[in-house]
Amino acid sequence: MPSPRRKSWDVLAWAEGDVGVVETAKDLFRDLGIKVGRDRLFALLGDYGWIYRAGPDGRGRPCQGQVEDGRLSMIPQSHYQRRTGELVLDAPQVGVRVRGYTNCAAGLRVKVGSL
């Protein structure tokens, strides 16, 4: 049986899915005790050259190479407009896959260890 600290990692690895950057930051803290937070994790992904800022909204977008390497993905976002009930497409969210989680954790362990 996996330890409680590794539970979210095991679920992610089993599902071979992806989660948003906010959830990844929370998982890194819960599983490994690494306090990174959403903004610092986005900055780290930018430093790695994994994401870039684009479009009128300035949101992070994964670089194609990182999508092809299986580190990041795009998670489609949408909502229903309350007044009309119409489905509205929102800007996609950066998704972190298992390989990206592993690479981030390894890089952050090195950074934390050198402080």
N, C-alpha and C. Protein backbone atom coordinates (compact mmCIF):
# COMPACT_ATOMS: atom_id res chain seq x y z
N MET A 1 0.85 -1.18 0.00
CA MET A 1 0.00 0.00 0.00
C MET A 1 0.89 1.24 0.00
N PRO A 2 0.61 2.23 -0.87
CA PRO A 2 1.46 3.41 -0.94
C PRO A 2 1.31 4.27 0.31
N SER A 3 2.40 4.97 0.65
CA SER A 3 2.33 5.89 1.79
C SER A 3 1.40 7.04 1.44
N PRO A 4 0.79 7.67 2.46
CA PRO A 4 -0.13 8.78 2.18
C PRO A 4 0.53 9.91 1.41
N ARG A 5 1.83 10.14 1.65
CA ARG A 5 2.53 11.24 0.96
C ARG A 5 2.62 10.99 -0.54
N ARG A 6 2.61 9.76 -0.96
CA ARG A 6 2.77 9.44 -2.37
C ARG A 6 1.45 9.18 -3.07
N LYS A 7 0.35 9.29 -2.37
CA LYS A 7 -0.93 8.90 -2.93
C LYS A 7 -1.28 9.66 -4.21
N SER A 8 -1.17 10.99 -4.20
CA SER A 8 -1.55 11.76 -5.39
C SER A 8 -0.64 11.42 -6.57
N TRP A 9 0.65 11.19 -6.30
CA TRP A 9 1.57 10.79 -7.36
C TRP A 9 1.14 9.46 -7.96
N ASP A 10 0.80 8.49 -7.11
CA ASP A 10 0.38 7.18 -7.59
C ASP A 10 -0.88 7.27 -8.42
N VAL A 11 -1.82 8.10 -8.00
CA VAL A 11 -3.06 8.28 -8.76
C VAL A 11 -2.75 8.88 -10.12
N LEU A 12 -1.91 9.91 -10.15
CA LEU A 12 -1.55 10.54 -11.42
C LEU A 12 -0.82 9.57 -12.33
N ALA A 13 0.13 8.83 -11.79
CA ALA A 13 0.90 7.88 -12.60
C ALA A 13 0.01 6.77 -13.14
N TRP A 14 -0.91 6.30 -12.31
CA TRP A 14 -1.80 5.22 -12.75
C TRP A 14 -2.72 5.70 -13.87
N ALA A 15 -3.23 6.88 -13.73
CA ALA A 15 -4.20 7.39 -14.70
C ALA A 15 -3.53 7.85 -15.99
N GLU A 16 -2.23 8.11 -15.92
CA GLU A 16 -1.51 8.67 -17.06
C GLU A 16 -2.22 9.91 -17.58
N GLY A 17 -2.74 10.69 -16.67
CA GLY A 17 -3.47 11.90 -17.02
C GLY A 17 -2.60 13.12 -16.85
N ASP A 18 -3.25 14.24 -16.80
CA ASP A 18 -2.53 15.47 -16.57
C ASP A 18 -3.36 16.33 -15.63
N VAL A 19 -2.68 17.19 -14.92
CA VAL A 19 -3.33 18.09 -13.98
C VAL A 19 -2.81 19.49 -14.22
N GLY A 20 -3.56 20.47 -13.76
CA GLY A 20 -3.16 21.85 -13.92
C GLY A 20 -1.94 22.20 -13.07
N VAL A 21 -1.37 23.36 -13.33
CA VAL A 21 -0.18 23.80 -12.61
C VAL A 21 -0.48 24.01 -11.13
N VAL A 22 -1.65 24.54 -10.81
CA VAL A 22 -2.02 24.75 -9.40
C VAL A 22 -2.03 23.42 -8.66
N GLU A 23 -2.67 22.42 -9.25
CA GLU A 23 -2.74 21.10 -8.61
C GLU A 23 -1.36 20.47 -8.51
N THR A 24 -0.52 20.67 -9.52
CA THR A 24 0.84 20.13 -9.49
C THR A 24 1.63 20.74 -8.34
N ALA A 25 1.50 22.06 -8.15
CA ALA A 25 2.20 22.71 -7.04
C ALA A 25 1.74 22.14 -5.70
N LYS A 26 0.44 21.92 -5.57
CA LYS A 26 -0.09 21.33 -4.32
C LYS A 26 0.42 19.91 -4.13
N ASP A 27 0.46 19.14 -5.21
CA ASP A 27 0.95 17.76 -5.13
C ASP A 27 2.43 17.71 -4.76
N LEU A 28 3.23 18.63 -5.30
CA LEU A 28 4.65 18.67 -4.96
C LEU A 28 4.84 18.93 -3.46
N PHE A 29 3.99 19.79 -2.90
CA PHE A 29 4.09 20.05 -1.46
C PHE A 29 3.59 18.85 -0.66
N ARG A 30 2.44 18.33 -1.03
CA ARG A 30 1.85 17.22 -0.27
C ARG A 30 2.72 15.97 -0.34
N ASP A 31 3.22 15.64 -1.52
CA ASP A 31 3.99 14.41 -1.70
C ASP A 31 5.44 14.53 -1.27
N LEU A 32 6.06 15.68 -1.56
CA LEU A 32 7.51 15.80 -1.37
C LEU A 32 7.92 16.90 -0.41
N GLY A 33 6.95 17.66 0.09
CA GLY A 33 7.27 18.74 1.01
C GLY A 33 7.93 19.93 0.35
N ILE A 34 7.80 20.06 -0.98
CA ILE A 34 8.42 21.16 -1.72
C ILE A 34 7.41 22.29 -1.83
N LYS A 35 7.71 23.44 -1.20
CA LYS A 35 6.82 24.61 -1.24
C LYS A 35 7.17 25.43 -2.47
N VAL A 36 6.34 25.31 -3.49
CA VAL A 36 6.65 26.03 -4.72
C VAL A 36 5.54 27.01 -5.08
N GLY A 37 4.30 26.66 -4.96
CA GLY A 37 3.20 27.56 -5.30
C GLY A 37 3.03 27.71 -6.80
N ARG A 38 1.86 28.18 -7.19
CA ARG A 38 1.51 28.30 -8.60
C ARG A 38 2.43 29.24 -9.36
N ASP A 39 2.61 30.46 -8.84
CA ASP A 39 3.40 31.46 -9.56
C ASP A 39 4.85 31.04 -9.73
N ARG A 40 5.44 30.50 -8.67
CA ARG A 40 6.84 30.05 -8.77
C ARG A 40 6.97 28.85 -9.71
N LEU A 41 5.95 27.98 -9.72
CA LEU A 41 6.01 26.84 -10.63
C LEU A 41 5.88 27.31 -12.08
N PHE A 42 5.01 28.29 -12.34
CA PHE A 42 4.94 28.86 -13.69
C PHE A 42 6.28 29.48 -14.08
N ALA A 43 6.91 30.20 -13.14
CA ALA A 43 8.22 30.80 -13.42
C ALA A 43 9.26 29.73 -13.71
N LEU A 44 9.22 28.64 -12.95
CA LEU A 44 10.15 27.54 -13.18
C LEU A 44 9.95 26.93 -14.56
N LEU A 45 8.69 26.71 -14.94
CA LEU A 45 8.40 26.16 -16.27
C LEU A 45 8.91 27.09 -17.36
N GLY A 46 8.79 28.40 -17.13
CA GLY A 46 9.34 29.37 -18.08
C GLY A 46 10.86 29.32 -18.13
N ASP A 47 11.50 29.20 -16.95
CA ASP A 47 12.97 29.10 -16.90
C ASP A 47 13.46 27.85 -17.62
N TYR A 48 12.71 26.77 -17.50
CA TYR A 48 13.06 25.53 -18.20
C TYR A 48 12.86 25.65 -19.71
N GLY A 49 12.13 26.68 -20.15
CA GLY A 49 11.80 26.81 -21.57
C GLY A 49 10.65 25.90 -21.98
N TRP A 50 9.85 25.50 -21.01
CA TRP A 50 8.73 24.59 -21.29
C TRP A 50 7.48 25.34 -21.70
N ILE A 51 7.32 26.59 -21.23
CA ILE A 51 6.14 27.37 -21.59
C ILE A 51 6.58 28.74 -22.10
N TYR A 52 5.65 29.40 -22.76
CA TYR A 52 5.86 30.77 -23.20
C TYR A 52 4.55 31.52 -22.99
N ARG A 53 4.62 32.82 -22.91
CA ARG A 53 3.42 33.66 -22.73
C ARG A 53 3.01 34.19 -24.09
N ALA A 54 1.74 34.04 -24.41
CA ALA A 54 1.28 34.47 -25.74
C ALA A 54 -0.18 34.87 -25.69
N GLY A 55 -0.60 35.51 -26.77
CA GLY A 55 -2.00 35.88 -26.92
C GLY A 55 -2.34 37.12 -26.13
N PRO A 56 -3.53 37.63 -26.36
CA PRO A 56 -3.94 38.86 -25.68
C PRO A 56 -4.09 38.68 -24.17
N ASP A 57 -4.31 37.45 -23.73
CA ASP A 57 -4.48 37.20 -22.29
C ASP A 57 -3.15 37.00 -21.57
N GLY A 58 -2.06 36.80 -22.31
CA GLY A 58 -0.74 36.62 -21.72
C GLY A 58 -0.58 35.35 -20.91
N ARG A 59 -1.48 34.41 -21.11
CA ARG A 59 -1.40 33.15 -20.36
C ARG A 59 -0.28 32.27 -20.88
N GLY A 60 0.20 31.40 -20.00
CA GLY A 60 1.23 30.46 -20.38
C GLY A 60 0.70 29.42 -21.36
N ARG A 61 1.51 29.08 -22.31
CA ARG A 61 1.19 28.03 -23.28
C ARG A 61 2.37 27.07 -23.32
N PRO A 62 2.12 25.77 -23.39
CA PRO A 62 3.25 24.83 -23.45
C PRO A 62 3.93 24.88 -24.81
N CYS A 63 5.24 24.78 -24.81
CA CYS A 63 5.99 24.68 -26.07
C CYS A 63 5.70 23.32 -26.70
N GLN A 64 5.64 23.30 -28.00
CA GLN A 64 5.27 22.08 -28.72
C GLN A 64 6.19 20.91 -28.39
N GLY A 65 7.48 21.18 -28.24
CA GLY A 65 8.42 20.11 -27.91
C GLY A 65 8.10 19.43 -26.58
N GLN A 66 7.61 20.21 -25.63
CA GLN A 66 7.26 19.64 -24.32
C GLN A 66 5.99 18.80 -24.39
N VAL A 67 5.09 19.20 -25.27
CA VAL A 67 3.88 18.39 -25.50
C VAL A 67 4.27 17.07 -26.16
N GLU A 68 5.13 17.15 -27.17
CA GLU A 68 5.56 15.95 -27.88
C GLU A 68 6.38 15.02 -26.98
N ASP A 69 7.17 15.60 -26.05
CA ASP A 69 7.97 14.79 -25.12
C ASP A 69 7.15 14.23 -23.96
N GLY A 70 5.90 14.62 -23.86
CA GLY A 70 5.03 14.08 -22.82
C GLY A 70 5.16 14.73 -21.46
N ARG A 71 5.74 15.93 -21.40
CA ARG A 71 5.86 16.63 -20.12
C ARG A 71 4.64 17.49 -19.84
N LEU A 72 4.15 18.18 -20.86
CA LEU A 72 3.03 19.10 -20.70
C LEU A 72 1.93 18.80 -21.70
N SER A 73 0.77 19.38 -21.46
CA SER A 73 -0.36 19.24 -22.38
C SER A 73 -1.20 20.50 -22.31
N MET A 74 -2.22 20.55 -23.13
CA MET A 74 -3.21 21.62 -23.08
C MET A 74 -4.51 21.00 -22.57
N ILE A 75 -5.08 21.59 -21.54
CA ILE A 75 -6.35 21.13 -21.00
C ILE A 75 -7.43 22.10 -21.47
N PRO A 76 -8.36 21.64 -22.31
CA PRO A 76 -9.42 22.53 -22.79
C PRO A 76 -10.27 23.05 -21.63
N GLN A 77 -10.70 24.29 -21.73
CA GLN A 77 -11.54 24.91 -20.70
C GLN A 77 -12.77 25.50 -21.36
N SER A 78 -13.88 25.41 -20.68
CA SER A 78 -15.12 26.02 -21.17
C SER A 78 -16.05 26.28 -20.00
N HIS A 79 -17.06 27.08 -20.25
CA HIS A 79 -18.11 27.30 -19.26
C HIS A 79 -19.40 27.63 -19.99
N TYR A 80 -20.50 27.50 -19.30
CA TYR A 80 -21.79 27.86 -19.87
C TYR A 80 -22.14 29.27 -19.41
N GLN A 81 -22.50 30.10 -20.39
CA GLN A 81 -22.90 31.46 -20.07
C GLN A 81 -24.22 31.41 -19.31
N ARG A 82 -24.26 32.01 -18.18
CA ARG A 82 -25.41 31.92 -17.29
C ARG A 82 -26.69 32.47 -17.94
N ARG A 83 -26.57 33.58 -18.62
CA ARG A 83 -27.76 34.24 -19.18
C ARG A 83 -28.36 33.47 -20.35
N THR A 84 -27.52 32.98 -21.25
CA THR A 84 -28.02 32.34 -22.47
C THR A 84 -27.93 30.82 -22.44
N GLY A 85 -27.12 30.29 -21.53
CA GLY A 85 -26.92 28.85 -21.49
C GLY A 85 -25.99 28.34 -22.58
N GLU A 86 -25.39 29.27 -23.31
CA GLU A 86 -24.50 28.92 -24.42
C GLU A 86 -23.12 28.49 -23.90
N LEU A 87 -22.55 27.47 -24.54
CA LEU A 87 -21.21 27.01 -24.18
C LEU A 87 -20.18 27.99 -24.74
N VAL A 88 -19.30 28.46 -23.88
CA VAL A 88 -18.26 29.41 -24.26
C VAL A 88 -16.90 28.74 -24.06
N LEU A 89 -16.06 28.79 -25.07
CA LEU A 89 -14.71 28.22 -24.97
C LEU A 89 -13.77 29.24 -24.34
N ASP A 90 -13.05 28.81 -23.33
CA ASP A 90 -12.08 29.66 -22.65
C ASP A 90 -10.67 29.29 -23.11
N ALA A 91 -9.71 30.10 -22.71
CA ALA A 91 -8.31 29.79 -23.03
C ALA A 91 -7.94 28.47 -22.38
N PRO A 92 -7.21 27.63 -23.08
CA PRO A 92 -6.81 26.34 -22.48
C PRO A 92 -5.84 26.55 -21.32
N GLN A 93 -5.77 25.55 -20.48
CA GLN A 93 -4.92 25.57 -19.30
C GLN A 93 -3.71 24.67 -19.56
N VAL A 94 -2.55 25.05 -19.03
CA VAL A 94 -1.37 24.20 -19.13
C VAL A 94 -1.57 22.99 -18.24
N GLY A 95 -1.37 21.81 -18.79
CA GLY A 95 -1.46 20.57 -18.03
C GLY A 95 -0.09 19.96 -17.83
N VAL A 96 0.15 19.41 -16.66
CA VAL A 96 1.41 18.75 -16.36
C VAL A 96 1.17 17.25 -16.35
N ARG A 97 1.94 16.54 -17.15
CA ARG A 97 1.82 15.08 -17.23
C ARG A 97 2.81 14.43 -16.26
N VAL A 98 2.77 13.13 -16.15
CA VAL A 98 3.62 12.40 -15.19
C VAL A 98 5.10 12.72 -15.41
N ARG A 99 5.54 12.70 -16.65
CA ARG A 99 6.96 12.98 -16.93
C ARG A 99 7.33 14.40 -16.51
N GLY A 100 6.45 15.35 -16.75
CA GLY A 100 6.70 16.73 -16.33
C GLY A 100 6.78 16.86 -14.82
N TYR A 101 5.88 16.16 -14.12
CA TYR A 101 5.88 16.16 -12.65
C TYR A 101 7.21 15.62 -12.13
N THR A 102 7.66 14.52 -12.70
CA THR A 102 8.91 13.90 -12.27
C THR A 102 10.09 14.84 -12.50
N ASN A 103 10.13 15.46 -13.69
CA ASN A 103 11.23 16.38 -14.00
C ASN A 103 11.20 17.62 -13.10
N CYS A 104 10.02 18.16 -12.85
CA CYS A 104 9.90 19.32 -11.95
C CYS A 104 10.35 18.95 -10.54
N ALA A 105 9.91 17.81 -10.06
CA ALA A 105 10.29 17.37 -8.71
C ALA A 105 11.80 17.23 -8.59
N ALA A 106 12.43 16.63 -9.60
CA ALA A 106 13.89 16.45 -9.57
C ALA A 106 14.59 17.81 -9.59
N GLY A 107 14.15 18.71 -10.45
CA GLY A 107 14.76 20.03 -10.53
C GLY A 107 14.57 20.84 -9.25
N LEU A 108 13.40 20.73 -8.66
CA LEU A 108 13.14 21.47 -7.42
C LEU A 108 13.92 20.89 -6.25
N ARG A 109 14.11 19.60 -6.22
CA ARG A 109 14.91 18.99 -5.14
C ARG A 109 16.34 19.54 -5.19
N VAL A 110 16.88 19.68 -6.40
CA VAL A 110 18.23 20.22 -6.55
C VAL A 110 18.26 21.67 -6.06
N LYS A 111 17.26 22.48 -6.46
CA LYS A 111 17.21 23.88 -6.04
C LYS A 111 17.07 24.00 -4.53
N VAL A 112 16.18 23.22 -3.94
CA VAL A 112 15.96 23.27 -2.50
C VAL A 112 17.21 22.81 -1.76
N GLY A 113 17.87 21.79 -2.27
CA GLY A 113 19.08 21.27 -1.63
C GLY A 113 20.24 22.23 -1.69
N SER A 114 20.27 23.12 -2.68
CA SER A 114 21.39 24.04 -2.82
C SER A 114 21.18 25.34 -2.05
N LEU A 115 20.01 25.52 -1.44
CA LEU A 115 19.74 26.76 -0.69
C LEU A 115 20.38 26.73 0.68
